[in-house]
């Protein structure tokens, strides 16, 4: 097995093998994203909110891409 390389970037963690998550969300941020995901009028904002929420729940990129 190869070495695992961990690189710290601003508010994200990248591990070789493409595991990247957003930082932990505050309660206020999470609530705002949920409101956008449920009641948002702009489909682009709704999609982005869903992606951020999924990443905050530690879903991996392949799982998120199937949403």
PDB file of N, CA and C in Angstrom:
ATOM      1  N   UNK A   1       0.828  -1.182   0.000  1.00  0.00           N
ATOM      2  CA  UNK A   1       0.000   0.000   0.000  1.00  0.00           C
ATOM      3  C   UNK A   1       0.869   1.240   0.000  1.00  0.00           C
ATOM      4  N   UNK A   2       0.397   2.272  -0.702  1.00  0.00           N
ATOM      5  CA  UNK A   2       1.123   3.527  -0.748  1.00  0.00           C
ATOM      6  C   UNK A   2       0.903   4.334   0.515  1.00  0.00           C
ATOM      7  N   UNK A   3       1.676   5.370   0.652  1.00  0.00           N
ATOM      8  CA  UNK A   3       1.538   6.259   1.796  1.00  0.00           C
ATOM      9  C   UNK A   3       0.279   7.092   1.662  1.00  0.00           C
ATOM     10  N   UNK A   4      -0.318   7.415   2.777  1.00  0.00           N
ATOM     11  CA  UNK A   4      -1.445   8.350   2.793  1.00  0.00           C
ATOM     12  C   UNK A   4      -0.881   9.725   3.078  1.00  0.00           C
ATOM     13  N   UNK A   5      -1.194  10.640   2.222  1.00  0.00           N
ATOM     14  CA  UNK A   5      -0.717  12.000   2.370  1.00  0.00           C
ATOM     15  C   UNK A   5      -1.890  12.881   2.778  1.00  0.00           C
ATOM     16  N   UNK A   6      -1.720  13.616   3.858  1.00  0.00           N
ATOM     17  CA  UNK A   6      -2.762  14.525   4.312  1.00  0.00           C
ATOM     18  C   UNK A   6      -2.267  15.950   4.112  1.00  0.00           C
ATOM     19  N   UNK A   7      -3.073  16.726   3.401  1.00  0.00           N
ATOM     20  CA  UNK A   7      -2.736  18.115   3.127  1.00  0.00           C
ATOM     21  C   UNK A   7      -3.835  18.976   3.720  1.00  0.00           C
ATOM     22  N   UNK A   8      -3.476  19.925   4.566  1.00  0.00           N
ATOM     23  CA  UNK A   8      -4.472  20.809   5.162  1.00  0.00           C
ATOM     24  C   UNK A   8      -4.631  22.031   4.277  1.00  0.00           C
ATOM     25  N   UNK A   9      -5.848  22.252   3.825  1.00  0.00           N
ATOM     26  CA  UNK A   9      -6.160  23.437   3.035  1.00  0.00           C
ATOM     27  C   UNK A   9      -7.136  24.271   3.841  1.00  0.00           C
ATOM     28  N   UNK A  10      -7.400  25.466   3.389  1.00  0.00           N
ATOM     29  CA  UNK A  10      -8.313  26.328   4.121  1.00  0.00           C
ATOM     30  C   UNK A  10      -9.691  25.682   4.207  1.00  0.00           C
ATOM     31  N   UNK A  11     -10.085  25.336   5.412  1.00  0.00           N
ATOM     32  CA  UNK A  11     -11.405  24.797   5.720  1.00  0.00           C
ATOM     33  C   UNK A  11     -11.733  23.480   5.033  1.00  0.00           C
ATOM     34  N   UNK A  12     -10.740  22.732   4.577  1.00  0.00           N
ATOM     35  CA  UNK A  12     -11.018  21.424   4.009  1.00  0.00           C
ATOM     36  C   UNK A  12      -9.849  20.494   4.299  1.00  0.00           C
ATOM     37  N   UNK A  13     -10.082  19.232   4.183  1.00  0.00           N
ATOM     38  CA  UNK A  13      -9.043  18.238   4.405  1.00  0.00           C
ATOM     39  C   UNK A  13      -8.993  17.349   3.189  1.00  0.00           C
ATOM     40  N   UNK A  14      -7.814  17.222   2.600  1.00  0.00           N
ATOM     41  CA  UNK A  14      -7.664  16.379   1.419  1.00  0.00           C
ATOM     42  C   UNK A  14      -6.734  15.230   1.769  1.00  0.00           C
ATOM     43  N   UNK A  15      -7.205  14.035   1.529  1.00  0.00           N
ATOM     44  CA  UNK A  15      -6.409  12.833   1.756  1.00  0.00           C
ATOM     45  C   UNK A  15      -6.243  12.178   0.397  1.00  0.00           C
ATOM     46  N   UNK A  16      -5.047  11.666   0.121  1.00  0.00           N
ATOM     47  CA  UNK A  16      -4.886  11.007  -1.170  1.00  0.00           C
ATOM     48  C   UNK A  16      -5.997   9.981  -1.316  1.00  0.00           C
ATOM     49  N   UNK A  17      -6.624   9.960  -2.459  1.00  0.00           N
ATOM     50  CA  UNK A  17      -7.795   9.132  -2.662  1.00  0.00           C
ATOM     51  C   UNK A  17      -9.053   9.981  -2.732  1.00  0.00           C
ATOM     52  N   UNK A  18      -8.901  11.291  -2.716  1.00  0.00           N
ATOM     53  CA  UNK A  18      -9.975  12.248  -2.934  1.00  0.00           C
ATOM     54  C   UNK A  18     -11.062  12.246  -1.855  1.00  0.00           C
ATOM     55  N   UNK A  19     -10.699  12.197  -0.601  1.00  0.00           N
ATOM     56  CA  UNK A  19     -11.674  12.368   0.465  1.00  0.00           C
ATOM     57  C   UNK A  19     -11.581  13.805   0.938  1.00  0.00           C
ATOM     58  N   UNK A  20     -12.587  14.603   0.593  1.00  0.00           N
ATOM     59  CA  UNK A  20     -12.588  16.021   0.918  1.00  0.00           C
ATOM     60  C   UNK A  20     -13.929  16.364   1.549  1.00  0.00           C
ATOM     61  N   UNK A  21     -13.901  17.045   2.677  1.00  0.00           N
ATOM     62  CA  UNK A  21     -15.124  17.448   3.351  1.00  0.00           C
ATOM     63  C   UNK A  21     -15.070  18.942   3.648  1.00  0.00           C
ATOM     64  N   UNK A  22     -16.241  19.557   3.756  1.00  0.00           N
ATOM     65  CA  UNK A  22     -16.287  20.942   4.196  1.00  0.00           C
ATOM     66  C   UNK A  22     -16.012  20.966   5.697  1.00  0.00           C
ATOM     67  N   UNK A  23     -15.756  22.137   6.211  1.00  0.00           N
ATOM     68  CA  UNK A  23     -15.531  22.262   7.652  1.00  0.00           C
ATOM     69  C   UNK A  23     -16.852  22.008   8.384  1.00  0.00           C
ATOM     70  N   UNK A  24     -16.766  21.833   9.692  1.00  0.00           N
ATOM     71  CA  UNK A  24     -17.980  21.673  10.482  1.00  0.00           C
ATOM     72  C   UNK A  24     -18.810  22.944  10.385  1.00  0.00           C
ATOM     73  N   UNK A  25     -20.099  22.775  10.230  1.00  0.00           N
ATOM     74  CA  UNK A  25     -21.000  23.912  10.112  1.00  0.00           C
ATOM     75  C   UNK A  25     -21.506  24.325  11.489  1.00  0.00           C
ATOM     76  N   UNK A  26     -21.733  25.616  11.657  1.00  0.00           N
ATOM     77  CA  UNK A  26     -22.380  26.074  12.878  1.00  0.00           C
ATOM     78  C   UNK A  26     -23.858  25.723  12.784  1.00  0.00           C
ATOM     79  N   UNK A  27     -24.548  25.772  13.903  1.00  0.00           N
ATOM     80  CA  UNK A  27     -25.992  25.510  13.917  1.00  0.00           C
ATOM     81  C   UNK A  27     -26.715  26.482  12.982  1.00  0.00           C
ATOM     82  N   UNK A  28     -26.320  27.739  13.041  1.00  0.00           N
ATOM     83  CA  UNK A  28     -26.950  28.757  12.196  1.00  0.00           C
ATOM     84  C   UNK A  28     -26.731  28.467  10.709  1.00  0.00           C
ATOM     85  N   UNK A  29     -25.493  28.101  10.349  1.00  0.00           N
ATOM     86  CA  UNK A  29     -25.195  27.784   8.945  1.00  0.00           C
ATOM     87  C   UNK A  29     -25.992  26.574   8.474  1.00  0.00           C
ATOM     88  N   UNK A  30     -26.036  25.539   9.312  1.00  0.00           N
ATOM     89  CA  UNK A  30     -26.779  24.340   8.956  1.00  0.00           C
ATOM     90  C   UNK A  30     -28.260  24.628   8.752  1.00  0.00           C
ATOM     91  N   UNK A  31     -28.827  25.426   9.653  1.00  0.00           N
ATOM     92  CA  UNK A  31     -30.241  25.781   9.530  1.00  0.00           C
ATOM     93  C   UNK A  31     -30.505  26.590   8.272  1.00  0.00           C
ATOM     94  N   UNK A  32     -29.613  27.510   7.956  1.00  0.00           N
ATOM     95  CA  UNK A  32     -29.789  28.321   6.751  1.00  0.00           C
ATOM     96  C   UNK A  32     -29.729  27.449   5.489  1.00  0.00           C
ATOM     97  N   UNK A  33     -28.761  26.515   5.459  1.00  0.00           N
ATOM     98  CA  UNK A  33     -28.650  25.622   4.307  1.00  0.00           C
ATOM     99  C   UNK A  33     -29.874  24.711   4.175  1.00  0.00           C
ATOM    100  N   UNK A  34     -30.380  24.225   5.308  1.00  0.00           N
ATOM    101  CA  UNK A  34     -31.597  23.403   5.270  1.00  0.00           C
ATOM    102  C   UNK A  34     -32.777  24.199   4.725  1.00  0.00           C
ATOM    103  N   UNK A  35     -32.894  25.448   5.143  1.00  0.00           N
ATOM    104  CA  UNK A  35     -33.988  26.299   4.664  1.00  0.00           C
ATOM    105  C   UNK A  35     -33.879  26.501   3.153  1.00  0.00           C
ATOM    106  N   UNK A  36     -32.653  26.741   2.669  1.00  0.00           N
ATOM    107  CA  UNK A  36     -32.440  26.909   1.225  1.00  0.00           C
ATOM    108  C   UNK A  36     -32.769  25.613   0.491  1.00  0.00           C
ATOM    109  N   UNK A  37     -32.300  24.475   1.037  1.00  0.00           N
ATOM    110  CA  UNK A  37     -32.526  23.180   0.385  1.00  0.00           C
ATOM    111  C   UNK A  37     -34.008  22.841   0.304  1.00  0.00           C
ATOM    112  N   UNK A  38     -34.779  23.228   1.307  1.00  0.00           N
ATOM    113  CA  UNK A  38     -36.207  22.874   1.338  1.00  0.00           C
ATOM    114  C   UNK A  38     -37.102  23.871   0.617  1.00  0.00           C
ATOM    115  N   UNK A  39     -36.774  25.164   0.733  1.00  0.00           N
ATOM    116  CA  UNK A  39     -37.697  26.185   0.240  1.00  0.00           C
ATOM    117  C   UNK A  39     -37.092  27.122  -0.789  1.00  0.00           C
ATOM    118  N   UNK A  40     -35.870  26.857  -1.202  1.00  0.00           N
ATOM    119  CA  UNK A  40     -35.198  27.756  -2.133  1.00  0.00           C
ATOM    120  C   UNK A  40     -35.875  27.803  -3.494  1.00  0.00           C
ATOM    121  N   UNK A  41     -35.889  28.982  -4.075  1.00  0.00           N
ATOM    122  CA  UNK A  41     -36.507  29.163  -5.394  1.00  0.00           C
ATOM    123  C   UNK A  41     -35.491  28.971  -6.517  1.00  0.00           C
ATOM    124  N   UNK A  42     -34.230  29.204  -6.223  1.00  0.00           N
ATOM    125  CA  UNK A  42     -33.172  29.099  -7.231  1.00  0.00           C
ATOM    126  C   UNK A  42     -32.605  27.670  -7.222  1.00  0.00           C
ATOM    127  N   UNK A  43     -32.783  26.910  -8.296  1.00  0.00           N
ATOM    128  CA  UNK A  43     -32.311  25.516  -8.322  1.00  0.00           C
ATOM    129  C   UNK A  43     -30.806  25.375  -8.094  1.00  0.00           C
ATOM    130  N   UNK A  44     -30.036  26.365  -8.517  1.00  0.00           N
ATOM    131  CA  UNK A  44     -28.586  26.302  -8.315  1.00  0.00           C
ATOM    132  C   UNK A  44     -28.261  26.410  -6.824  1.00  0.00           C
ATOM    133  N   UNK A  45     -28.909  27.322  -6.129  1.00  0.00           N
ATOM    134  CA  UNK A  45     -28.682  27.467  -4.686  1.00  0.00           C
ATOM    135  C   UNK A  45     -29.145  26.222  -3.926  1.00  0.00           C
ATOM    136  N   UNK A  46     -30.264  25.652  -4.337  1.00  0.00           N
ATOM    137  CA  UNK A  46     -30.769  24.435  -3.687  1.00  0.00           C
ATOM    138  C   UNK A  46     -29.749  23.318  -3.846  1.00  0.00           C
ATOM    139  N   UNK A  47     -29.244  23.140  -5.048  1.00  0.00           N
ATOM    140  CA  UNK A  47     -28.253  22.082  -5.311  1.00  0.00           C
ATOM    141  C   UNK A  47     -26.981  22.289  -4.491  1.00  0.00           C
ATOM    142  N   UNK A  48     -26.502  23.524  -4.453  1.00  0.00           N
ATOM    143  CA  UNK A  48     -25.289  23.816  -3.682  1.00  0.00           C
ATOM    144  C   UNK A  48     -25.504  23.561  -2.198  1.00  0.00           C
ATOM    145  N   UNK A  49     -26.655  23.955  -1.691  1.00  0.00           N
ATOM    146  CA  UNK A  49     -26.964  23.724  -0.278  1.00  0.00           C
ATOM    147  C   UNK A  49     -26.967  22.227   0.030  1.00  0.00           C
ATOM    148  N   UNK A  50     -27.583  21.443  -0.851  1.00  0.00           N
ATOM    149  CA  UNK A  50     -27.620  19.990  -0.652  1.00  0.00           C
ATOM    150  C   UNK A  50     -26.227  19.381  -0.661  1.00  0.00           C
ATOM    151  N   UNK A  51     -25.380  19.859  -1.559  1.00  0.00           N
ATOM    152  CA  UNK A  51     -24.011  19.330  -1.642  1.00  0.00           C
ATOM    153  C   UNK A  51     -23.201  19.655  -0.395  1.00  0.00           C
ATOM    154  N   UNK A  52     -23.345  20.879   0.098  1.00  0.00           N
ATOM    155  CA  UNK A  52     -22.612  21.271   1.309  1.00  0.00           C
ATOM    156  C   UNK A  52     -23.116  20.479   2.511  1.00  0.00           C
ATOM    157  N   UNK A  53     -24.425  20.326   2.627  1.00  0.00           N
ATOM    158  CA  UNK A  53     -24.982  19.540   3.735  1.00  0.00           C
ATOM    159  C   UNK A  53     -24.514  18.087   3.687  1.00  0.00           C
ATOM    160  N   UNK A  54     -24.469  17.509   2.498  1.00  0.00           N
ATOM    161  CA  UNK A  54     -24.007  16.129   2.360  1.00  0.00           C
ATOM    162  C   UNK A  54     -22.542  16.004   2.761  1.00  0.00           C
ATOM    163  N   UNK A  55     -21.716  16.949   2.336  1.00  0.00           N
ATOM    164  CA  UNK A  55     -20.303  16.920   2.695  1.00  0.00           C
ATOM    165  C   UNK A  55     -20.121  17.098   4.203  1.00  0.00           C
ATOM    166  N   UNK A  56     -20.928  17.954   4.803  1.00  0.00           N
ATOM    167  CA  UNK A  56     -20.847  18.174   6.251  1.00  0.00           C
ATOM    168  C   UNK A  56     -21.213  16.909   7.026  1.00  0.00           C
ATOM    169  N   UNK A  57     -21.997  16.021   6.406  1.00  0.00           N
ATOM    170  CA  UNK A  57     -22.354  14.746   7.022  1.00  0.00           C
ATOM    171  C   UNK A  57     -21.336  13.652   6.686  1.00  0.00           C
ATOM    172  N   UNK A  58     -20.222  14.065   6.104  1.00  0.00           N
ATOM    173  CA  UNK A  58     -19.090  13.174   5.773  1.00  0.00           C
ATOM    174  C   UNK A  58     -19.407  12.170   4.671  1.00  0.00           C
ATOM    175  N   UNK A  59     -20.326  12.542   3.786  1.00  0.00           N
ATOM    176  CA  UNK A  59     -20.565  11.714   2.602  1.00  0.00           C
ATOM    177  C   UNK A  59     -19.383  11.911   1.661  1.00  0.00           C
ATOM    178  N   UNK A  60     -18.985  10.861   0.998  1.00  0.00           N
ATOM    179  CA  UNK A  60     -17.854  10.937   0.071  1.00  0.00           C
ATOM    180  C   UNK A  60     -18.330  11.408  -1.299  1.00  0.00           C
ATOM    181  N   UNK A  61     -17.395  11.898  -2.086  1.00  0.00           N
ATOM    182  CA  UNK A  61     -17.711  12.481  -3.394  1.00  0.00           C
ATOM    183  C   UNK A  61     -18.545  11.551  -4.266  1.00  0.00           C
ATOM    184  N   UNK A  62     -18.218  10.260  -4.404  1.00  0.00           N
ATOM    185  CA  UNK A  62     -19.056   9.396  -5.245  1.00  0.00           C
ATOM    186  C   UNK A  62     -20.502   9.303  -4.754  1.00  0.00           C
ATOM    187  N   UNK A  63     -20.689   9.298  -3.421  1.00  0.00           N
ATOM    188  CA  UNK A  63     -22.045   9.250  -2.863  1.00  0.00           C
ATOM    189  C   UNK A  63     -22.785  10.553  -3.160  1.00  0.00           C
ATOM    190  N   UNK A  64     -22.101  11.677  -2.990  1.00  0.00           N
ATOM    191  CA  UNK A  64     -22.711  12.978  -3.241  1.00  0.00           C
ATOM    192  C   UNK A  64     -23.077  13.117  -4.712  1.00  0.00           C
ATOM    193  N   UNK A  65     -22.239  12.601  -5.598  1.00  0.00           N
ATOM    194  CA  UNK A  65     -22.504  12.738  -7.026  1.00  0.00           C
ATOM    195  C   UNK A  65     -23.771  11.994  -7.445  1.00  0.00           C
ATOM    196  N   UNK A  66     -24.194  11.022  -6.638  1.00  0.00           N
ATOM    197  CA  UNK A  66     -25.427  10.270  -6.953  1.00  0.00           C
ATOM    198  C   UNK A  66     -26.680  10.959  -6.432  1.00  0.00           C
ATOM    199  N   UNK A  67     -26.534  12.060  -5.720  1.00  0.00           N
ATOM    200  CA  UNK A  67     -27.718  12.772  -5.200  1.00  0.00           C
ATOM    201  C   UNK A  67     -28.479  13.411  -6.332  1.00  0.00           C
TER     202      UNK A  67
END
